[in-house]
Structures are given as structure tokens and as C-alpha cells.
Amino acid sequence: MSKLPYIAFTPDQVRELDRRAIQDHGIPGYGLMCRAGKAAFDAGLARFTQARHWLVMCGAGNNAGDGYVIARLARAAGCEVTVVAVTDPLRLKGDARKAFEDFRAEGGTTQPYDPVTCPAGDLVVDAMLGTGLERDLEGKYLEAVIGANQSGKPILAIDVPTGINSLSGELMGDAICAQMTVSFVGQKQGLYLADGPEYSGEVLFDDIGVPESLAADFQPSFRIFNQADLSKLLPVRPRQGHKGMFGHVLVIGGNKGMAGAARLAGEAALRSGAGLVSVATRDENVAAIVSGRPELMVTGVEYADALSGLTERADVIAIGPGLGQDDWAKQCFERVIEIDKPKVIDADALNLLVDARLRRNDWVLTPHPGEAARLLGTDTISVQRDRLGAVRELQSRYGGSVVLKGHCSLIAGEQALSLLVRQGNPGMASAGMGDVLTGLTAGLLAQTKGLQLPAAAAVYIHGSAGDLAVEQGAHISERGLIASDVLEQIRFLVNP
């Protein structure tokens, strides 16, 4: 199986891949363009089955060439096609010019951009700028982007939505908001960073015949965690397996009024397949947690000294869900943080870590962007602007493995390459979701080796469980999704 769909590159690296395919491997440039156009056309045809009138918006460079190939194929397939040339096609050069000439030779015509024509069609194809954008949109391109977005029609973006920086993922003034983006040759990192995921929609990739070997000497930006990774990490259990073989997780949390957080984390660890799960919490929470989930072993702890026996028996410790930041929380944190066992540090424990300024190689930190900003001494906007740089800096500064949560979560750790997880949805922006991820991560650490891969697997399962929960019933229902809905799906996903 090719690795190209699962590794992301900078735009310069993708351009070099393209060059090598043409000059070193002998694939004609126009042949690659025709393959790209065919892949995008097929994807559009399969996804937007009701589209009979295609509005193809062509700009400059090879992105426009792809658009003219798509327009020619759509006409040949019997679709009604309107082509809007945002840039005069007679100014195109090389393969893009040939694509236009072939389109014209088969009877295709173009018209300049006009706001009146933009709403035409059942599907808008964005083939305007692609990867080359380095400054904010202006002039006709800005007008065309605004017009396409306001048309109310579904949009298929070619390679990268016009207006998204293919390196950083930043919005360059404005951008096409696509339902689907079809990308070629190499995955562009900007599709998964900053604003990229919001504007790219579903991302499909086609290597269009470019051999994986041409990228052998590249250092990719990150690797996309996928189902094959999960299957390798969680093989079928041996028939003679017993609970002692699958690890003992200790969850520490649940301060006054926060029993639910500790319970969610504990249950997630159980659902992950951990053999045993204990919860250390405030005395007043014990009855509530046990009555809700009797499989958990729950101990009331009013003084941190009482943790000693529990930590000795545990293989993995998770601290943070509902922990608080009072004296009890600080004592628990200080008692646990130096123990030489794998640990998951989340929520209030991360806030306590800001002051502790420790670096260890046996923990997984799971900050959301706000917590990451506090750990780095910066602000949330800066973290979100450079999520890849932020997760690398967190890992360098604090050690272990770091999960920077959010849409397209990033995981940095002992491997040179960061990992990215695409699964998950906006419905998961609700209370308790982070507690479920904490317990899930601890449970997988108890059953596997290493830190980064189990952490990425936990994020993958967590996001996939959220997606499954949303898809239950007759329609998509993100709003109103709660953490317990996600818990119910985990068991089906940890048996890949």
C-alpha cells in the first residue's frame, strides 16, 4: 500500500515531486494533468450525483489546466458545462495552455467572471489558484471566491481551495468553502492546519501514478494516522488472555462536585480494554461513581499520602479529570508527577504543570489550545496559527508525547514524525469529551508499548466514536452529542 495518502508535505516538496515525476521518471506533464482532471471529475461525479450542470471556475497556472480537463470530461459525459475564466486563458502557458486548447477544440467555450453567471449550475468547481497563493486575495479572484461561496451551490476544490495557504493553512483574506477537495501528487500540509480543515471539507487524495519512491529522501511534515496503524497496535487478543495481561489504570481526579469527570475517564479506560481500572477521588464521590459504574474500583482519598498503595499497584496513572487546583489537587499532583510510570496529564493537572515546569519522558500531555498556550507562555491565537510548530515546541519543552487537541489533532512524541488524526466532529465540543480521551489514552497505554502511537490511537478511536455517535439514526446530529454517547461506541472500535 502506498504511503503517499498518509504523509503530508510542504508545497515546495510537492512541486519537487511533480518535477521528479516529469523529468526523472519520464511521466509527461500533460499526462499528469489529465490524470488529475480525471480523478477530480470522477470524484465529483460520485459525490455530487445530482449535478447535471457544472460551473468550472478556471484561474491561472496548472490549477486552471486541471479545470479545463475537468470541463472537457464533463462535456463529454453529457453534462451542461459553464466555464468561467477568471484569468484570460490565452495567457496560460505550457500544459495548462494545452488543456485549454483541447477543451476549446472539442467545442468548449469560456466567459469572463461575472457575478450574474456565478450562481449558474448545480456544482461549482474551484480550479482558480491551487498551491501558489502567497498573498491575500484581491480583485477578480476575491470577487469570484465571494460569489462562489454565496451561490449556495456545493463546491469541489481542486488541489487546495483558492484562498487557503497550502503551507500554513491560513486564510488569505477569504477562501473557497468547499464540500470536497481532491488533492494530487502529495498531501499538502495546509489542508490540515489552521483554517485549512474548515474550508477543505472532505479531502480525497490521488497520487495520479507518481511513485512513492520519488519521495524517499523527503522529511514529511507529519503522517496521518489511519486504520492500518490501529490494527497493528491492537491485534486480536490471545484466547488464554486474562485481566492481568491488559494493565491496571489508576485515574486520579474528581474534586468536590466533579465526580462525573473521574467516572467518565475511568469508564473510558475500561472500554478501551484495560484489565483493571481504579479511581482515586474525594470521599463524597465514591458512592456516585460506584453506583453508576460498578466495574470501577473506587477509593476515597482525602490526603495525598493515601495514594501510595494505589500508585504502586497501577501500571498507568491518569491525573487531571475534575482534579481542580486547590490544596488537595496540588498535593495529589506533586505526589504522582515524579513516579516512574507512564502517565496521562490532562485538564487541571496541565494547569498545575505550568507552574511546575517539569520535563519527563514517561507521560502523555493532552492540552487543548488554551492549555497549550499557557504551557508555552503565549496565546491561543498563536497556537492555532501554527499548530504544528506548537505541538513540536510542547514536546521539546516538556518531553514525552503531546496531543494538541482540536480539529485535526496533532501528536508529537518519540518518533521523528508528528502524527495527525482527522476523525472527530464539532458535536464533540461539549463537557466531558476530554475526560473520555484521558481515560482512553491511559487504557491503551496499559495495553501497548510506547507513548506516541497509543496516544494517536486514542485520539483516532475517540474521534471515530464521536463520528459514529453522530451518524446514529436517520440523520446527522452533531448538536447535542454528549460524552456518554461516545463511550458507547468505543468497544466497537478497539477491536479493529
Protein backbone atom coordinates (compact mmCIF):
# COMPACT_ATOMS: atom_id res chain seq x y z
CA MET A 1 0.00 0.00 0.00
CA SER A 2 1.33 3.42 -0.93
CA LYS A 3 2.21 5.70 1.98
CA LEU A 4 1.57 8.85 -0.04
CA PRO A 5 -2.07 9.27 1.06
CA TYR A 6 -0.93 9.28 4.70
CA ILE A 7 2.05 11.64 4.67
CA ALA A 8 1.87 15.40 4.23
CA PHE A 9 4.41 17.66 2.58
CA THR A 10 5.20 21.31 2.14
CA PRO A 11 4.11 22.85 -1.19
CA ASP A 12 7.75 23.08 -2.29
CA GLN A 13 8.20 19.36 -1.68
CA VAL A 14 5.09 18.57 -3.71
CA ARG A 15 6.36 20.73 -6.56
CA GLU A 16 9.65 18.84 -6.42
CA LEU A 17 7.76 15.54 -6.52
CA ASP A 18 5.93 16.78 -9.58
CA ARG A 19 9.23 17.79 -11.21
CA ARG A 20 10.83 14.41 -10.48
CA ALA A 21 7.84 12.56 -11.91
CA ILE A 22 8.13 14.52 -15.16
CA GLN A 23 11.89 14.95 -15.60
CA ASP A 24 13.36 11.96 -13.76
CA HIS A 25 10.62 9.36 -14.11
CA GLY A 26 9.51 10.27 -17.61
CA ILE A 27 5.80 10.90 -16.99
CA PRO A 28 4.63 13.66 -19.37
CA GLY A 29 3.43 16.75 -17.53
CA TYR A 30 0.25 16.91 -19.58
CA GLY A 31 -0.36 13.25 -18.80
CA LEU A 32 -0.23 14.04 -15.06
CA MET A 33 -2.64 16.94 -15.61
CA CYS A 34 -5.09 14.72 -17.46
CA ARG A 35 -4.89 12.11 -14.69
CA ALA A 36 -5.56 14.80 -12.09
CA GLY A 37 -8.53 16.15 -14.02
CA LYS A 38 -9.95 12.64 -14.47
CA ALA A 39 -9.54 11.85 -10.74
CA ALA A 40 -11.29 15.08 -9.77
CA PHE A 41 -14.07 14.59 -12.31
CA ASP A 42 -14.71 11.02 -11.14
CA ALA A 43 -14.77 12.16 -7.51
CA GLY A 44 -17.22 14.93 -8.30
CA LEU A 45 -19.43 12.61 -10.28
CA ALA A 46 -19.52 10.07 -7.44
CA ARG A 47 -20.11 12.59 -4.64
CA PHE A 48 -22.45 15.10 -6.31
CA THR A 49 -24.70 12.65 -8.09
CA GLN A 50 -27.48 15.16 -8.78
CA ALA A 51 -25.20 17.69 -10.51
CA ARG A 52 -26.08 17.99 -14.20
CA HIS A 53 -24.74 21.50 -14.78
CA TRP A 54 -21.10 22.09 -13.77
CA LEU A 55 -19.75 25.61 -13.30
CA VAL A 56 -15.97 25.36 -13.63
CA MET A 57 -14.02 28.43 -12.46
CA CYS A 58 -10.54 28.46 -14.02
CA GLY A 59 -7.77 30.80 -12.97
CA ALA A 60 -4.04 30.69 -13.62
CA GLY A 61 -1.32 28.04 -13.82
CA ASN A 62 -1.72 24.28 -13.67
CA ASN A 63 -4.75 24.55 -11.40
CA ALA A 64 -6.59 26.17 -14.31
CA GLY A 65 -5.30 23.40 -16.57
CA ASP A 66 -6.87 20.81 -14.28
CA GLY A 67 -10.11 22.78 -14.52
CA TYR A 68 -10.12 22.74 -18.30
CA VAL A 69 -9.54 18.98 -18.29
CA ILE A 70 -12.49 18.56 -15.90
CA ALA A 71 -14.68 20.78 -18.08
CA ARG A 72 -13.79 18.77 -21.19
CA LEU A 73 -14.57 15.47 -19.46
CA ALA A 74 -17.84 16.79 -18.06
CA ARG A 75 -18.97 17.92 -21.52
CA ALA A 76 -18.01 14.54 -22.97
CA ALA A 77 -20.08 12.85 -20.27
CA GLY A 78 -23.16 14.83 -21.29
CA CYS A 79 -23.16 17.40 -18.50
CA GLU A 80 -24.01 21.00 -19.18
CA VAL A 81 -20.82 22.99 -18.54
CA THR A 82 -20.21 26.68 -17.96
CA VAL A 83 -16.55 27.70 -17.75
CA VAL A 84 -15.68 31.00 -16.11
CA ALA A 85 -12.16 32.19 -16.94
CA VAL A 86 -11.04 34.43 -14.09
CA THR A 87 -7.75 34.86 -15.98
CA ASP A 88 -7.66 35.13 -19.78
CA PRO A 89 -6.91 31.55 -20.94
CA LEU A 90 -4.81 32.90 -23.82
CA ARG A 91 -2.27 33.93 -21.18
CA LEU A 92 -1.82 30.36 -20.00
CA LYS A 93 1.40 28.54 -20.83
CA GLY A 94 2.68 25.00 -21.11
CA ASP A 95 0.42 22.14 -20.08
CA ALA A 96 -2.31 24.47 -18.84
CA ARG A 97 -2.49 26.13 -22.28
CA LYS A 98 -2.69 22.73 -23.95
CA ALA A 99 -5.55 21.74 -21.61
CA PHE A 100 -7.41 24.87 -22.63
CA GLU A 101 -6.75 24.29 -26.34
CA ASP A 102 -8.01 20.69 -26.08
CA PHE A 103 -11.13 21.91 -24.30
CA ARG A 104 -11.72 24.53 -26.99
CA ALA A 105 -11.01 22.04 -29.81
CA GLU A 106 -13.91 19.91 -28.57
CA GLY A 107 -16.30 22.85 -28.72
CA GLY A 108 -15.85 24.24 -25.23
CA THR A 109 -16.22 27.96 -24.66
CA THR A 110 -15.35 30.30 -21.80
CA GLN A 111 -16.71 33.54 -20.43
CA PRO A 112 -15.16 36.11 -18.12
CA TYR A 113 -16.18 36.22 -14.48
CA ASP A 114 -19.48 37.97 -13.90
CA PRO A 115 -21.39 37.85 -10.59
CA VAL A 116 -24.55 37.08 -12.56
CA THR A 117 -23.11 33.88 -14.04
CA CYS A 118 -21.57 32.57 -10.82
CA PRO A 119 -24.76 31.06 -9.39
CA ALA A 120 -25.24 29.03 -12.59
CA GLY A 121 -25.00 25.27 -12.34
CA ASP A 122 -25.59 22.57 -9.74
CA LEU A 123 -21.91 22.24 -8.79
CA VAL A 124 -19.08 24.77 -8.65
CA VAL A 125 -15.56 23.53 -9.43
CA ASP A 126 -12.80 25.72 -7.96
CA ALA A 127 -9.78 25.49 -10.28
CA MET A 128 -8.53 29.03 -9.74
CA LEU A 129 -5.23 29.18 -7.88
CA GLY A 130 -4.21 25.94 -6.13
CA THR A 131 -0.94 25.87 -4.17
CA GLY A 132 0.74 29.03 -5.41
CA LEU A 133 -1.05 31.64 -3.29
CA GLU A 134 1.26 33.72 -1.07
CA ARG A 135 -0.67 36.97 -0.57
CA ASP A 136 -4.23 37.92 0.27
CA LEU A 137 -6.81 37.56 -2.47
CA GLU A 138 -7.86 40.68 -4.31
CA GLY A 139 -9.57 41.85 -7.47
CA LYS A 140 -11.42 39.34 -9.63
CA TYR A 141 -10.21 36.37 -7.60
CA LEU A 142 -11.65 37.77 -4.39
CA GLU A 143 -14.91 38.58 -6.18
CA ALA A 144 -15.05 35.08 -7.64
CA VAL A 145 -14.46 33.44 -4.26
CA ILE A 146 -17.15 35.54 -2.61
CA GLY A 147 -19.55 34.84 -5.48
CA ALA A 148 -18.97 31.08 -5.37
CA ASN A 149 -19.47 30.93 -1.60
CA GLN A 150 -22.63 33.00 -1.79
CA SER A 151 -24.09 30.95 -4.63
CA GLY A 152 -25.34 28.29 -2.24
CA LYS A 153 -24.06 25.58 -4.59
CA PRO A 154 -21.80 22.72 -3.44
CA ILE A 155 -18.14 23.36 -4.29
CA LEU A 156 -15.47 20.92 -5.39
CA ALA A 157 -11.98 22.39 -4.87
CA ILE A 158 -9.05 21.21 -6.96
CA ASP A 159 -5.82 20.53 -5.04
CA VAL A 160 -6.30 23.34 -2.47
CA PRO A 161 -9.29 25.69 -2.00
CA THR A 162 -8.49 29.07 -3.50
CA GLY A 163 -7.55 31.41 -0.67
CA ILE A 164 -6.00 28.79 1.65
CA ASN A 165 -2.25 28.95 2.09
CA SER A 166 -1.07 25.44 1.24
CA LEU A 167 1.87 25.69 3.65
CA SER A 168 0.31 27.18 6.79
CA GLY A 169 -3.38 26.57 6.19
CA GLU A 170 -4.05 30.25 6.89
CA LEU A 171 -6.91 32.13 5.31
CA MET A 172 -5.54 34.61 2.78
CA GLY A 173 -8.23 37.25 3.16
CA ASP A 174 -11.04 34.90 2.11
CA ALA A 175 -11.27 31.41 0.67
CA ILE A 176 -13.47 28.96 -1.15
CA CYS A 177 -15.51 26.96 1.35
CA ALA A 178 -15.57 23.54 -0.31
CA GLN A 179 -17.57 20.45 0.48
CA MET A 180 -14.80 18.34 -1.03
CA THR A 181 -11.18 18.89 -2.04
CA VAL A 182 -9.35 16.50 -4.34
CA SER A 183 -5.58 16.75 -3.96
CA PHE A 184 -2.84 15.21 -6.08
CA VAL A 185 0.79 14.01 -6.11
CA GLY A 186 1.41 14.68 -2.39
CA GLN A 187 -0.82 15.70 0.50
CA LYS A 188 -0.48 19.45 1.16
CA GLN A 189 0.02 20.16 4.84
CA GLY A 190 -2.07 23.33 4.71
CA LEU A 191 -5.21 21.27 4.13
CA TYR A 192 -4.91 20.04 7.74
CA LEU A 193 -3.58 23.09 9.58
CA ALA A 194 -5.12 26.37 10.82
CA ASP A 195 -8.11 27.27 8.61
CA GLY A 196 -7.42 24.51 6.08
CA PRO A 197 -9.74 21.84 7.51
CA GLU A 198 -12.63 24.30 7.85
CA TYR A 199 -12.50 25.27 4.17
CA SER A 200 -11.39 22.00 2.56
CA GLY A 201 -14.32 19.82 3.54
CA GLU A 202 -13.77 16.14 2.83
CA VAL A 203 -10.25 15.63 1.45
CA LEU A 204 -9.64 12.94 -1.15
CA PHE A 205 -6.16 12.16 -2.41
CA ASP A 206 -4.93 10.61 -5.63
CA ASP A 207 -1.24 10.07 -6.33
CA ILE A 208 -2.08 10.07 -10.10
CA GLY A 209 0.62 7.49 -10.68
CA VAL A 210 3.53 9.31 -9.04
CA PRO A 211 5.72 6.60 -7.46
CA GLU A 212 6.16 6.70 -3.70
CA SER A 213 9.89 6.12 -4.17
CA LEU A 214 10.33 9.66 -5.54
CA ALA A 215 9.68 11.00 -2.02
CA ALA A 216 12.05 8.59 -0.28
CA ASP A 217 14.56 11.27 0.68
CA PHE A 218 11.96 13.80 1.88
CA GLN A 219 11.22 14.55 5.51
CA PRO A 220 7.44 14.85 5.55
CA SER A 221 5.67 17.39 7.74
CA PHE A 222 3.56 14.77 9.51
CA ARG A 223 1.88 11.41 8.98
CA ILE A 224 -1.87 10.84 9.04
CA PHE A 225 -2.81 8.07 11.49
CA ASN A 226 -5.09 5.51 9.83
CA GLN A 227 -6.98 2.29 10.35
CA ALA A 228 -3.99 0.13 9.40
CA ASP A 229 -2.00 1.73 12.24
CA LEU A 230 -4.76 0.87 14.68
CA SER A 231 -4.96 -2.74 13.53
CA LYS A 232 -1.22 -3.19 14.08
CA LEU A 233 -1.38 -1.65 17.54
CA LEU A 234 -4.40 -3.65 18.76
CA PRO A 235 -4.15 -7.21 17.43
CA VAL A 236 -6.64 -9.95 18.28
CA ARG A 237 -6.25 -11.00 21.90
CA PRO A 238 -4.90 -14.46 22.78
CA ARG A 239 -7.57 -16.94 23.83
CA GLN A 240 -5.77 -17.52 27.14
CA GLY A 241 -5.75 -13.81 27.98
CA HIS A 242 -6.71 -12.65 31.48
CA LYS A 243 -7.22 -9.25 33.08
CA GLY A 244 -3.71 -9.18 34.49
CA MET A 245 -2.31 -9.14 30.97
CA PHE A 246 -4.03 -5.91 29.93
CA GLY A 247 -2.87 -3.43 32.52
CA HIS A 248 -4.14 -1.62 35.59
CA VAL A 249 -5.08 2.05 35.19
CA LEU A 250 -5.40 4.48 38.07
CA VAL A 251 -7.46 7.63 37.46
CA ILE A 252 -6.91 10.46 39.94
CA GLY A 253 -9.47 13.26 39.91
CA GLY A 254 -12.99 14.17 40.80
CA ASN A 255 -12.70 17.02 43.27
CA LYS A 256 -15.80 18.31 45.05
CA GLY A 257 -18.70 18.48 42.63
CA MET A 258 -16.68 16.84 39.82
CA ALA A 259 -17.41 13.15 40.27
CA GLY A 260 -18.59 12.86 36.68
CA ALA A 261 -15.20 13.72 35.18
CA ALA A 262 -13.43 10.95 37.09
CA ARG A 263 -16.15 8.46 36.26
CA LEU A 264 -16.04 9.24 32.53
CA ALA A 265 -12.27 8.81 32.46
CA GLY A 266 -12.47 5.56 34.41
CA GLU A 267 -15.18 4.11 32.21
CA ALA A 268 -13.29 5.10 29.06
CA ALA A 269 -10.24 3.21 30.35
CA LEU A 270 -12.44 0.16 30.91
CA ARG A 271 -14.00 0.45 27.46
CA SER A 272 -10.53 0.67 25.92
CA GLY A 273 -9.85 -2.84 27.17
CA ALA A 274 -7.74 -2.19 30.26
CA GLY A 275 -7.85 -5.19 32.59
CA LEU A 276 -8.38 -3.22 35.80
CA VAL A 277 -9.30 0.40 36.49
CA SER A 278 -9.14 2.17 39.84
CA VAL A 279 -10.34 5.68 40.63
CA ALA A 280 -8.95 7.83 43.43
CA THR A 281 -11.34 10.65 44.24
CA ARG A 282 -12.87 12.66 47.05
CA ASP A 283 -14.73 10.60 49.68
CA GLU A 284 -18.07 12.16 48.81
CA ASN A 285 -17.84 10.94 45.19
CA VAL A 286 -17.29 7.24 45.86
CA ALA A 287 -20.92 6.14 46.08
CA ALA A 288 -21.98 8.06 42.98
CA ILE A 289 -19.19 6.63 40.83
CA VAL A 290 -19.61 3.04 42.02
CA SER A 291 -23.38 3.10 41.60
CA GLY A 292 -23.01 4.41 38.06
CA ARG A 293 -20.22 2.03 37.01
CA PRO A 294 -19.72 -0.87 39.46
CA GLU A 295 -16.81 -2.31 37.46
CA LEU A 296 -14.61 0.57 38.68
CA MET A 297 -12.65 0.16 41.93
CA VAL A 298 -13.16 3.48 43.69
CA THR A 299 -11.25 4.76 46.71
CA GLY A 300 -11.89 7.92 48.65
CA VAL A 301 -8.66 9.86 49.13
CA GLU A 302 -8.65 12.91 51.38
CA TYR A 303 -4.87 13.13 51.77
CA ALA A 304 -2.24 12.54 49.08
CA ASP A 305 -0.36 10.10 51.32
CA ALA A 306 -3.21 7.64 50.79
CA LEU A 307 -2.29 7.39 47.12
CA SER A 308 0.86 5.34 47.76
CA GLY A 309 -0.72 1.89 47.69
CA LEU A 310 -2.86 2.75 44.68
CA THR A 311 0.04 4.07 42.61
CA GLU A 312 2.16 1.02 43.45
CA ARG A 313 -0.45 -1.35 42.04
CA ALA A 314 -1.13 0.68 38.90
CA ASP A 315 0.67 0.28 35.59
CA VAL A 316 -0.53 3.64 34.19
CA ILE A 317 -1.72 6.76 36.00
CA ALA A 318 -4.12 9.35 34.60
CA ILE A 319 -4.45 12.59 36.53
CA GLY A 320 -6.50 15.68 35.82
CA PRO A 321 -10.19 14.97 35.12
CA GLY A 322 -12.12 17.10 37.61
CA LEU A 323 -8.96 17.49 39.71
CA GLY A 324 -9.32 21.18 40.49
CA GLN A 325 -6.47 23.40 41.61
CA ASP A 326 -6.94 23.56 45.39
CA ASP A 327 -4.55 22.16 48.01
CA TRP A 328 -5.92 18.63 47.59
CA ALA A 329 -5.31 18.79 43.84
CA LYS A 330 -1.80 20.18 44.26
CA GLN A 331 -0.83 17.51 46.80
CA CYS A 332 -2.11 14.74 44.53
CA PHE A 333 -0.28 16.23 41.56
CA GLU A 334 3.00 16.57 43.45
CA ARG A 335 2.77 13.02 44.78
CA VAL A 336 2.14 11.49 41.36
CA ILE A 337 4.21 13.57 38.99
CA GLU A 338 7.61 12.10 39.90
CA ILE A 339 6.52 8.45 39.86
CA ASP A 340 8.38 6.44 37.21
CA LYS A 341 5.36 5.02 35.43
CA PRO A 342 3.53 6.03 32.26
CA LYS A 343 1.15 8.90 32.96
CA VAL A 344 -1.55 10.88 31.19
CA ILE A 345 -1.68 14.53 32.25
CA ASP A 346 -4.84 16.44 31.38
CA ALA A 347 -7.15 19.30 32.38
CA ASP A 348 -6.33 20.83 35.77
CA ALA A 349 -3.14 18.78 36.04
CA LEU A 350 -1.88 20.63 32.96
CA ASN A 351 -2.59 23.94 34.65
CA LEU A 352 -0.58 22.78 37.66
CA LEU A 353 2.22 21.71 35.32
CA VAL A 354 2.53 25.31 34.08
CA ASP A 355 4.00 26.27 37.44
CA ALA A 356 5.95 23.05 37.96
CA ARG A 357 7.88 23.38 34.67
CA LEU A 358 8.93 19.72 34.62
CA ARG A 359 10.21 17.66 31.73
CA ARG A 360 9.71 13.89 31.64
CA ASN A 361 9.78 11.17 29.02
CA ASP A 362 7.13 8.92 30.53
CA TRP A 363 3.98 10.98 30.12
CA VAL A 364 1.36 11.97 27.57
CA LEU A 365 0.13 15.56 27.80
CA THR A 366 -3.28 16.26 26.25
CA PRO A 367 -3.81 20.05 26.11
CA HIS A 368 -6.48 21.89 24.19
CA PRO A 369 -5.24 25.11 22.52
CA GLY A 370 -5.90 27.25 25.61
CA GLU A 371 -3.94 24.91 27.86
CA ALA A 372 -1.20 24.66 25.24
CA ALA A 373 -0.94 28.46 25.21
CA ARG A 374 -0.49 28.53 28.99
CA LEU A 375 2.16 25.81 28.82
CA LEU A 376 4.05 27.76 26.16
CA GLY A 377 3.53 31.20 27.71
CA THR A 378 1.73 32.52 24.65
CA ASP A 379 -1.88 32.98 23.50
CA THR A 380 -4.43 30.70 21.87
CA ILE A 381 -4.39 32.59 18.57
CA SER A 382 -0.65 31.99 18.20
CA VAL A 383 -1.06 28.30 18.96
CA GLN A 384 -3.83 27.90 16.41
CA ARG A 385 -1.92 29.86 13.79
CA ASP A 386 0.97 27.39 13.97
CA ARG A 387 -0.38 24.17 15.46
CA LEU A 388 2.42 22.05 14.03
CA GLY A 389 5.09 24.32 15.50
CA ALA A 390 3.22 24.48 18.81
CA VAL A 391 2.97 20.72 19.31
CA ARG A 392 6.64 20.29 18.43
CA GLU A 393 7.64 23.01 20.89
CA LEU A 394 5.50 21.49 23.63
CA GLN A 395 7.10 18.10 23.12
CA SER A 396 10.60 19.61 23.06
CA ARG A 397 9.96 21.60 26.22
CA TYR A 398 8.04 19.03 28.29
CA GLY A 399 9.15 15.68 26.83
CA GLY A 400 7.12 12.51 26.45
CA SER A 401 4.30 12.71 23.94
CA VAL A 402 1.94 15.64 23.42
CA VAL A 403 -1.57 15.61 21.96
CA LEU A 404 -2.62 19.06 20.76
CA LYS A 405 -6.37 18.61 20.68
CA GLY A 406 -8.76 20.20 18.19
CA HIS A 407 -9.93 19.57 14.67
CA CYS A 408 -7.10 17.55 13.08
CA SER A 409 -5.39 16.81 16.40
CA LEU A 410 -1.60 16.58 16.27
CA ILE A 411 0.52 14.15 18.27
CA ALA A 412 4.27 14.68 18.76
CA GLY A 413 6.46 12.18 20.59
CA GLU A 414 9.36 9.79 20.45
CA GLN A 415 9.10 9.32 16.69
CA ALA A 416 10.68 11.98 14.50
CA LEU A 417 7.44 12.47 12.60
CA SER A 418 4.38 14.03 14.21
CA LEU A 419 1.06 12.26 13.69
CA LEU A 420 -2.27 13.80 12.71
CA VAL A 421 -5.78 12.47 13.29
CA ARG A 422 -8.61 13.66 11.04
CA GLN A 423 -11.51 11.95 12.82
CA GLY A 424 -13.97 13.86 15.02
CA ASN A 425 -16.66 16.49 14.57
CA PRO A 426 -17.96 19.77 16.08
CA GLY A 427 -20.53 17.91 18.17
CA MET A 428 -17.64 16.78 20.37
CA ALA A 429 -17.19 20.33 21.66
CA SER A 430 -19.06 19.50 24.86
CA ALA A 431 -18.37 18.76 28.51
CA GLY A 432 -16.60 15.52 29.41
CA MET A 433 -15.12 14.72 25.99
CA GLY A 434 -11.60 15.43 27.22
CA ASP A 435 -12.13 13.17 30.24
CA VAL A 436 -13.11 10.32 27.93
CA LEU A 437 -9.95 10.87 25.87
CA THR A 438 -7.81 10.87 29.02
CA GLY A 439 -9.16 7.51 30.16
CA LEU A 440 -8.99 6.05 26.68
CA THR A 441 -5.35 7.13 26.33
CA ALA A 442 -4.43 5.63 29.71
CA GLY A 443 -6.20 2.39 28.85
CA LEU A 444 -4.31 1.99 25.58
CA LEU A 445 -1.00 2.83 27.25
CA ALA A 446 -1.69 -0.01 29.69
CA GLN A 447 -2.10 -2.50 26.83
CA THR A 448 0.65 -1.43 24.43
CA LYS A 449 4.20 -0.14 24.24
CA GLY A 450 5.46 3.38 23.63
CA LEU A 451 3.64 6.68 24.06
CA GLN A 452 3.05 8.40 20.73
CA LEU A 453 1.31 5.61 18.82
CA PRO A 454 -1.05 4.68 21.69
CA ALA A 455 -1.83 8.36 22.18
CA ALA A 456 -2.60 8.77 18.46
CA ALA A 457 -4.70 5.60 18.54
CA ALA A 458 -6.70 7.01 21.45
CA VAL A 459 -7.38 10.23 19.54
CA TYR A 460 -8.34 8.22 16.45
CA ILE A 461 -10.74 5.98 18.37
CA HIS A 462 -12.16 8.95 20.29
CA GLY A 463 -12.85 10.93 17.10
CA SER A 464 -14.20 7.89 15.27
CA ALA A 465 -16.52 7.12 18.20
CA GLY A 466 -17.81 10.69 18.02
CA ASP A 467 -18.41 10.31 14.29
CA LEU A 468 -20.25 7.02 14.79
CA ALA A 469 -22.40 8.54 17.52
CA VAL A 470 -23.34 11.41 15.21
CA GLU A 471 -24.31 9.03 12.41
CA GLN A 472 -26.75 7.05 14.55
CA GLY A 473 -30.34 7.30 13.40
CA ALA A 474 -31.83 8.73 10.24
CA HIS A 475 -29.84 11.95 10.02
CA ILE A 476 -26.59 13.61 11.03
CA SER A 477 -26.95 15.07 14.53
CA GLU A 478 -23.85 16.80 15.88
CA ARG A 479 -25.55 19.29 18.16
CA GLY A 480 -26.47 17.69 21.48
CA LEU A 481 -23.79 14.97 21.35
CA ILE A 482 -22.55 14.14 24.87
CA ALA A 483 -19.54 12.25 26.20
CA SER A 484 -21.62 9.23 27.21
CA ASP A 485 -22.70 8.82 23.58
CA VAL A 486 -19.03 8.48 22.64
CA LEU A 487 -18.36 5.94 25.40
CA GLU A 488 -20.96 3.62 23.90
CA GLN A 489 -19.07 3.41 20.60
CA ILE A 490 -15.56 2.74 21.91
CA ARG A 491 -15.89 -1.02 22.31
CA PHE A 492 -16.65 -1.47 18.60
CA LEU A 493 -13.53 0.47 17.62
CA VAL A 494 -10.90 -1.09 19.89
CA ASN A 495 -11.42 -4.42 18.12
CA PRO A 496 -10.27 -3.43 14.62
